[in-house]
Amino acid sequence: IGLLFASCKVSYSLRDVSIPANVKTV
């Protein structure tokens, strides 16, 4: 299950903010 989640493209969400996990800088 851990491998399955690690291979997925996961984005994080904070207060209705959606940013892909690979985006780090602005």
PDB file of all heavy atoms in Angstrom:
ATOM      1  N   ILE A   1       0.847  -1.210   0.000  1.00  0.00           N
ATOM      2  CA  ILE A   1       0.000   0.000   0.000  1.00  0.00           C
ATOM      3  C   ILE A   1       0.872   1.246   0.000  1.00  0.00           C
ATOM      4  O   ILE A   1       0.607   2.209  -0.711  1.00  0.00           O
ATOM      5  CB  ILE A   1      -0.968  -0.018   1.208  1.00  0.00           C
ATOM      6  CG1 ILE A   1      -2.023  -1.099   1.003  1.00  0.00           C
ATOM      7  CG2 ILE A   1      -1.626   1.350   1.398  1.00  0.00           C
ATOM      8  CD1 ILE A   1      -2.893  -1.365   2.210  1.00  0.00           C
ATOM      9  N   GLY A   2       1.959   1.219   0.789  1.00  0.00           N
ATOM     10  CA  GLY A   2       2.891   2.343   0.801  1.00  0.00           C
ATOM     11  C   GLY A   2       3.513   2.581  -0.553  1.00  0.00           C
ATOM     12  O   GLY A   2       3.649   3.716  -1.004  1.00  0.00           O
ATOM     13  N   LEU A   3       3.908   1.510  -1.226  1.00  0.00           N
ATOM     14  CA  LEU A   3       4.460   1.632  -2.575  1.00  0.00           C
ATOM     15  C   LEU A   3       3.440   2.209  -3.544  1.00  0.00           C
ATOM     16  O   LEU A   3       3.770   3.034  -4.392  1.00  0.00           O
ATOM     17  CB  LEU A   3       4.907   0.256  -3.090  1.00  0.00           C
ATOM     18  CG  LEU A   3       6.348  -0.138  -2.827  1.00  0.00           C
ATOM     19  CD1 LEU A   3       6.609  -1.548  -3.340  1.00  0.00           C
ATOM     20  CD2 LEU A   3       7.299   0.818  -3.456  1.00  0.00           C
ATOM     21  N   LEU A   4       2.220   1.750  -3.418  1.00  0.00           N
ATOM     22  CA  LEU A   4       1.150   2.222  -4.297  1.00  0.00           C
ATOM     23  C   LEU A   4       0.969   3.734  -4.156  1.00  0.00           C
ATOM     24  O   LEU A   4       0.912   4.459  -5.140  1.00  0.00           O
ATOM     25  CB  LEU A   4      -0.159   1.496  -3.963  1.00  0.00           C
ATOM     26  CG  LEU A   4      -1.363   1.808  -4.839  1.00  0.00           C
ATOM     27  CD1 LEU A   4      -1.099   1.359  -6.271  1.00  0.00           C
ATOM     28  CD2 LEU A   4      -2.592   1.117  -4.296  1.00  0.00           C
ATOM     29  N   PHE A   5       0.919   4.218  -2.909  1.00  0.00           N
ATOM     30  CA  PHE A   5       0.758   5.656  -2.693  1.00  0.00           C
ATOM     31  C   PHE A   5       1.991   6.444  -3.113  1.00  0.00           C
ATOM     32  O   PHE A   5       1.888   7.553  -3.600  1.00  0.00           O
ATOM     33  CB  PHE A   5       0.412   5.964  -1.238  1.00  0.00           C
ATOM     34  CG  PHE A   5      -1.021   5.691  -0.903  1.00  0.00           C
ATOM     35  CD1 PHE A   5      -1.348   4.711   0.022  1.00  0.00           C
ATOM     36  CD2 PHE A   5      -2.032   6.407  -1.504  1.00  0.00           C
ATOM     37  CE1 PHE A   5      -2.660   4.460   0.327  1.00  0.00           C
ATOM     38  CE2 PHE A   5      -3.354   6.153  -1.207  1.00  0.00           C
ATOM     39  CZ  PHE A   5      -3.675   5.171  -0.285  1.00  0.00           C
ATOM     40  N   ALA A   6       3.172   5.880  -2.924  1.00  0.00           N
ATOM     41  CA  ALA A   6       4.402   6.574  -3.288  1.00  0.00           C
ATOM     42  C   ALA A   6       4.527   6.756  -4.787  1.00  0.00           C
ATOM     43  O   ALA A   6       5.117   7.716  -5.265  1.00  0.00           O
ATOM     44  CB  ALA A   6       5.617   5.813  -2.749  1.00  0.00           C
ATOM     45  N   SER A   7       3.937   5.849  -5.564  1.00  0.00           N
ATOM     46  CA  SER A   7       4.045   5.949  -7.013  1.00  0.00           C
ATOM     47  C   SER A   7       2.989   6.852  -7.632  1.00  0.00           C
ATOM     48  O   SER A   7       3.070   7.197  -8.797  1.00  0.00           O
ATOM     49  CB  SER A   7       3.972   4.547  -7.640  1.00  0.00           C
ATOM     50  OG  SER A   7       2.682   4.007  -7.426  1.00  0.00           O
ATOM     51  N   CYS A   8       1.989   7.221  -6.850  1.00  0.00           N
ATOM     52  CA  CYS A   8       0.931   8.097  -7.367  1.00  0.00           C
ATOM     53  C   CYS A   8       1.410   9.542  -7.382  1.00  0.00           C
ATOM     54  O   CYS A   8       2.244   9.951  -6.584  1.00  0.00           O
ATOM     55  CB  CYS A   8      -0.320   8.023  -6.486  1.00  0.00           C
ATOM     56  SG  CYS A   8      -1.142   6.435  -6.528  1.00  0.00           S
ATOM     57  N   LYS A   9       0.852  10.321  -8.312  1.00  0.00           N
ATOM     58  CA  LYS A   9       1.130  11.755  -8.333  1.00  0.00           C
ATOM     59  C   LYS A   9       0.202  12.395  -7.308  1.00  0.00           C
ATOM     60  O   LYS A   9      -0.995  12.512  -7.524  1.00  0.00           O
ATOM     61  CB  LYS A   9       0.872  12.323  -9.727  1.00  0.00           C
ATOM     62  CG  LYS A   9       1.208  13.787  -9.830  1.00  0.00           C
ATOM     63  CD  LYS A   9       0.978  14.314 -11.227  1.00  0.00           C
ATOM     64  CE  LYS A   9       1.304  15.779 -11.278  1.00  0.00           C
ATOM     65  NZ  LYS A   9       1.014  16.348 -12.578  1.00  0.00           N
ATOM     66  N   VAL A  10       0.762  12.804  -6.195  1.00  0.00           N
ATOM     67  CA  VAL A  10      -0.025  13.331  -5.094  1.00  0.00           C
ATOM     68  C   VAL A  10       0.159  14.838  -5.040  1.00  0.00           C
ATOM     69  O   VAL A  10       1.263  15.349  -5.191  1.00  0.00           O
ATOM     70  CB  VAL A  10       0.430  12.694  -3.750  1.00  0.00           C
ATOM     71  CG1 VAL A  10      -0.349  13.286  -2.594  1.00  0.00           C
ATOM     72  CG2 VAL A  10       0.268  11.193  -3.792  1.00  0.00           C
ATOM     73  N   SER A  11      -0.927  15.553  -4.836  1.00  0.00           N
ATOM     74  CA  SER A  11      -0.822  16.982  -4.604  1.00  0.00           C
ATOM     75  C   SER A  11      -1.291  17.238  -3.189  1.00  0.00           C
ATOM     76  O   SER A  11      -2.015  16.429  -2.613  1.00  0.00           O
ATOM     77  CB  SER A  11      -1.671  17.760  -5.612  1.00  0.00           C
ATOM     78  OG  SER A  11      -3.015  17.434  -5.470  1.00  0.00           O
ATOM     79  N   TYR A  12      -0.864  18.354  -2.626  1.00  0.00           N
ATOM     80  CA  TYR A  12      -1.308  18.652  -1.285  1.00  0.00           C
ATOM     81  C   TYR A  12      -2.350  19.748  -1.339  1.00  0.00           C
ATOM     82  O   TYR A  12      -2.409  20.537  -2.266  1.00  0.00           O
ATOM     83  CB  TYR A  12      -0.137  19.009  -0.366  1.00  0.00           C
ATOM     84  CG  TYR A  12       0.566  20.307  -0.668  1.00  0.00           C
ATOM     85  CD1 TYR A  12       0.116  21.499  -0.117  1.00  0.00           C
ATOM     86  CD2 TYR A  12       1.682  20.350  -1.480  1.00  0.00           C
ATOM     87  CE1 TYR A  12       0.759  22.692  -0.371  1.00  0.00           C
ATOM     88  CE2 TYR A  12       2.335  21.531  -1.735  1.00  0.00           C
ATOM     89  CZ  TYR A  12       1.865  22.699  -1.179  1.00  0.00           C
ATOM     90  OH  TYR A  12       2.510  23.883  -1.425  1.00  0.00           O
ATOM     91  N   SER A  13      -3.162  19.782  -0.321  1.00  0.00           N
ATOM     92  CA  SER A  13      -4.218  20.776  -0.269  1.00  0.00           C
ATOM     93  C   SER A  13      -4.210  21.417   1.107  1.00  0.00           C
ATOM     94  O   SER A  13      -4.096  20.736   2.113  1.00  0.00           O
ATOM     95  CB  SER A  13      -5.575  20.104  -0.531  1.00  0.00           C
ATOM     96  OG  SER A  13      -6.597  21.054  -0.506  1.00  0.00           O
ATOM     97  N   LEU A  14      -4.292  22.730   1.136  1.00  0.00           N
ATOM     98  CA  LEU A  14      -4.277  23.485   2.368  1.00  0.00           C
ATOM     99  C   LEU A  14      -5.249  24.642   2.190  1.00  0.00           C
ATOM    100  O   LEU A  14      -5.062  25.495   1.325  1.00  0.00           O
ATOM    101  CB  LEU A  14      -2.858  24.010   2.629  1.00  0.00           C
ATOM    102  CG  LEU A  14      -2.612  24.885   3.838  1.00  0.00           C
ATOM    103  CD1 LEU A  14      -2.806  24.068   5.112  1.00  0.00           C
ATOM    104  CD2 LEU A  14      -1.209  25.450   3.800  1.00  0.00           C
ATOM    105  N   ARG A  15      -6.331  24.645   2.959  1.00  0.00           N
ATOM    106  CA  ARG A  15      -7.338  25.708   2.854  1.00  0.00           C
ATOM    107  C   ARG A  15      -7.832  25.869   1.423  1.00  0.00           C
ATOM    108  O   ARG A  15      -7.777  26.946   0.836  1.00  0.00           O
ATOM    109  CB  ARG A  15      -6.774  27.032   3.353  1.00  0.00           C
ATOM    110  CG  ARG A  15      -6.421  27.036   4.808  1.00  0.00           C
ATOM    111  CD  ARG A  15      -5.976  28.415   5.212  1.00  0.00           C
ATOM    112  NE  ARG A  15      -5.322  28.342   6.503  1.00  0.00           N
ATOM    113  CZ  ARG A  15      -4.470  29.230   6.952  1.00  0.00           C
ATOM    114  NH1 ARG A  15      -4.156  30.263   6.229  1.00  0.00           N
ATOM    115  NH2 ARG A  15      -3.927  29.101   8.118  1.00  0.00           N
ATOM    116  N   ASP A  16      -8.254  24.794   0.823  1.00  0.00           N
ATOM    117  CA  ASP A  16      -8.763  24.800  -0.550  1.00  0.00           C
ATOM    118  C   ASP A  16      -7.708  25.176  -1.582  1.00  0.00           C
ATOM    119  O   ASP A  16      -8.017  25.644  -2.661  1.00  0.00           O
ATOM    120  CB  ASP A  16      -9.974  25.735  -0.693  1.00  0.00           C
ATOM    121  CG  ASP A  16     -11.154  25.270   0.140  1.00  0.00           C
ATOM    122  OD1 ASP A  16     -11.324  24.049   0.283  1.00  0.00           O
ATOM    123  OD2 ASP A  16     -11.895  26.120   0.643  1.00  0.00           O
ATOM    124  N   VAL A  17      -6.445  25.009  -1.234  1.00  0.00           N
ATOM    125  CA  VAL A  17      -5.342  25.274  -2.142  1.00  0.00           C
ATOM    126  C   VAL A  17      -4.878  23.945  -2.691  1.00  0.00           C
ATOM    127  O   VAL A  17      -4.655  23.008  -1.946  1.00  0.00           O
ATOM    128  CB  VAL A  17      -4.181  25.987  -1.410  1.00  0.00           C
ATOM    129  CG1 VAL A  17      -2.978  26.128  -2.312  1.00  0.00           C
ATOM    130  CG2 VAL A  17      -4.632  27.347  -0.906  1.00  0.00           C
ATOM    131  N   SER A  18      -4.746  23.880  -4.005  1.00  0.00           N
ATOM    132  CA  SER A  18      -4.318  22.640  -4.631  1.00  0.00           C
ATOM    133  C   SER A  18      -3.066  22.901  -5.460  1.00  0.00           C
ATOM    134  O   SER A  18      -3.105  23.650  -6.423  1.00  0.00           O
ATOM    135  CB  SER A  18      -5.442  22.097  -5.522  1.00  0.00           C
ATOM    136  OG  SER A  18      -5.044  20.895  -6.123  1.00  0.00           O
ATOM    137  N   ILE A  19      -1.968  22.257  -5.042  1.00  0.00           N
ATOM    138  CA  ILE A  19      -0.680  22.444  -5.710  1.00  0.00           C
ATOM    139  C   ILE A  19      -0.067  21.062  -5.931  1.00  0.00           C
ATOM    140  O   ILE A  19       0.036  20.282  -4.984  1.00  0.00           O
ATOM    141  CB  ILE A  19       0.262  23.312  -4.859  1.00  0.00           C
ATOM    142  CG1 ILE A  19      -0.365  24.687  -4.615  1.00  0.00           C
ATOM    143  CG2 ILE A  19       1.622  23.441  -5.529  1.00  0.00           C
ATOM    144  CD1 ILE A  19       0.378  25.546  -3.624  1.00  0.00           C
ATOM    145  N   PRO A  20       0.340  20.756  -7.156  1.00  0.00           N
ATOM    146  CA  PRO A  20       0.994  19.464  -7.393  1.00  0.00           C
ATOM    147  C   PRO A  20       2.230  19.305  -6.502  1.00  0.00           C
ATOM    148  O   PRO A  20       2.930  20.275  -6.210  1.00  0.00           O
ATOM    149  CB  PRO A  20       1.386  19.523  -8.868  1.00  0.00           C
ATOM    150  CG  PRO A  20       0.465  20.537  -9.469  1.00  0.00           C
ATOM    151  CD  PRO A  20       0.203  21.534  -8.376  1.00  0.00           C
ATOM    152  N   ALA A  21       2.503  18.080  -6.095  1.00  0.00           N
ATOM    153  CA  ALA A  21       3.600  17.801  -5.168  1.00  0.00           C
ATOM    154  C   ALA A  21       4.965  18.171  -5.734  1.00  0.00           C
ATOM    155  O   ALA A  21       5.883  18.495  -4.978  1.00  0.00           O
ATOM    156  CB  ALA A  21       3.582  16.329  -4.773  1.00  0.00           C
ATOM    157  N   ASN A  22       5.119  18.167  -7.055  1.00  0.00           N
ATOM    158  CA  ASN A  22       6.430  18.477  -7.647  1.00  0.00           C
ATOM    159  C   ASN A  22       6.701  19.984  -7.731  1.00  0.00           C
ATOM    160  O   ASN A  22       7.803  20.389  -8.070  1.00  0.00           O
ATOM    161  CB  ASN A  22       6.567  17.836  -9.028  1.00  0.00           C
ATOM    162  CG  ASN A  22       5.536  18.339 -10.019  1.00  0.00           C
ATOM    163  OD1 ASN A  22       4.438  18.757  -9.650  1.00  0.00           O
ATOM    164  ND2 ASN A  22       5.868  18.271 -11.283  1.00  0.00           N
ATOM    165  N   VAL A  23       5.736  20.815  -7.408  1.00  0.00           N
ATOM    166  CA  VAL A  23       5.922  22.269  -7.428  1.00  0.00           C
ATOM    167  C   VAL A  23       6.459  22.698  -6.067  1.00  0.00           C
ATOM    168  O   VAL A  23       5.827  22.482  -5.040  1.00  0.00           O
ATOM    169  CB  VAL A  23       4.607  23.007  -7.746  1.00  0.00           C
ATOM    170  CG1 VAL A  23       4.801  24.510  -7.670  1.00  0.00           C
ATOM    171  CG2 VAL A  23       4.090  22.601  -9.113  1.00  0.00           C
ATOM    172  N   LYS A  24       7.634  23.311  -6.077  1.00  0.00           N
ATOM    173  CA  LYS A  24       8.299  23.676  -4.823  1.00  0.00           C
ATOM    174  C   LYS A  24       8.575  25.170  -4.676  1.00  0.00           C
ATOM    175  O   LYS A  24       8.675  25.668  -3.568  1.00  0.00           O
ATOM    176  CB  LYS A  24       9.649  22.937  -4.700  1.00  0.00           C
ATOM    177  CG  LYS A  24       9.566  21.436  -4.828  1.00  0.00           C
ATOM    178  CD  LYS A  24       8.891  20.808  -3.653  1.00  0.00           C
ATOM    179  CE  LYS A  24       8.926  19.287  -3.799  1.00  0.00           C
ATOM    180  NZ  LYS A  24       7.886  18.638  -3.058  1.00  0.00           N
ATOM    181  N   THR A  25       8.739  25.892  -5.791  1.00  0.00           N
ATOM    182  CA  THR A  25       9.167  27.289  -5.713  1.00  0.00           C
ATOM    183  C   THR A  25       8.233  28.214  -6.488  1.00  0.00           C
ATOM    184  O   THR A  25       7.583  27.803  -7.448  1.00  0.00           O
ATOM    185  CB  THR A  25      10.597  27.460  -6.271  1.00  0.00           C
ATOM    186  OG1 THR A  25      10.627  27.009  -7.625  1.00  0.00           O
ATOM    187  CG2 THR A  25      11.610  26.680  -5.442  1.00  0.00           C
ATOM    188  N   VAL A  26       8.204  29.468  -6.061  1.00  0.00           N
ATOM    189  CA  VAL A  26       7.401  30.480  -6.733  1.00  0.00           C
ATOM    190  C   VAL A  26       8.184  31.793  -6.743  1.00  0.00           C
ATOM    191  O   VAL A  26       8.856  32.134  -5.769  1.00  0.00           O
ATOM    192  CB  VAL A  26       6.019  30.675  -6.062  1.00  0.00           C
ATOM    193  CG1 VAL A  26       6.154  31.148  -4.628  1.00  0.00           C
ATOM    194  CG2 VAL A  26       5.131  31.625  -6.852  1.00  0.00           C
TER     195      VAL A  26
END
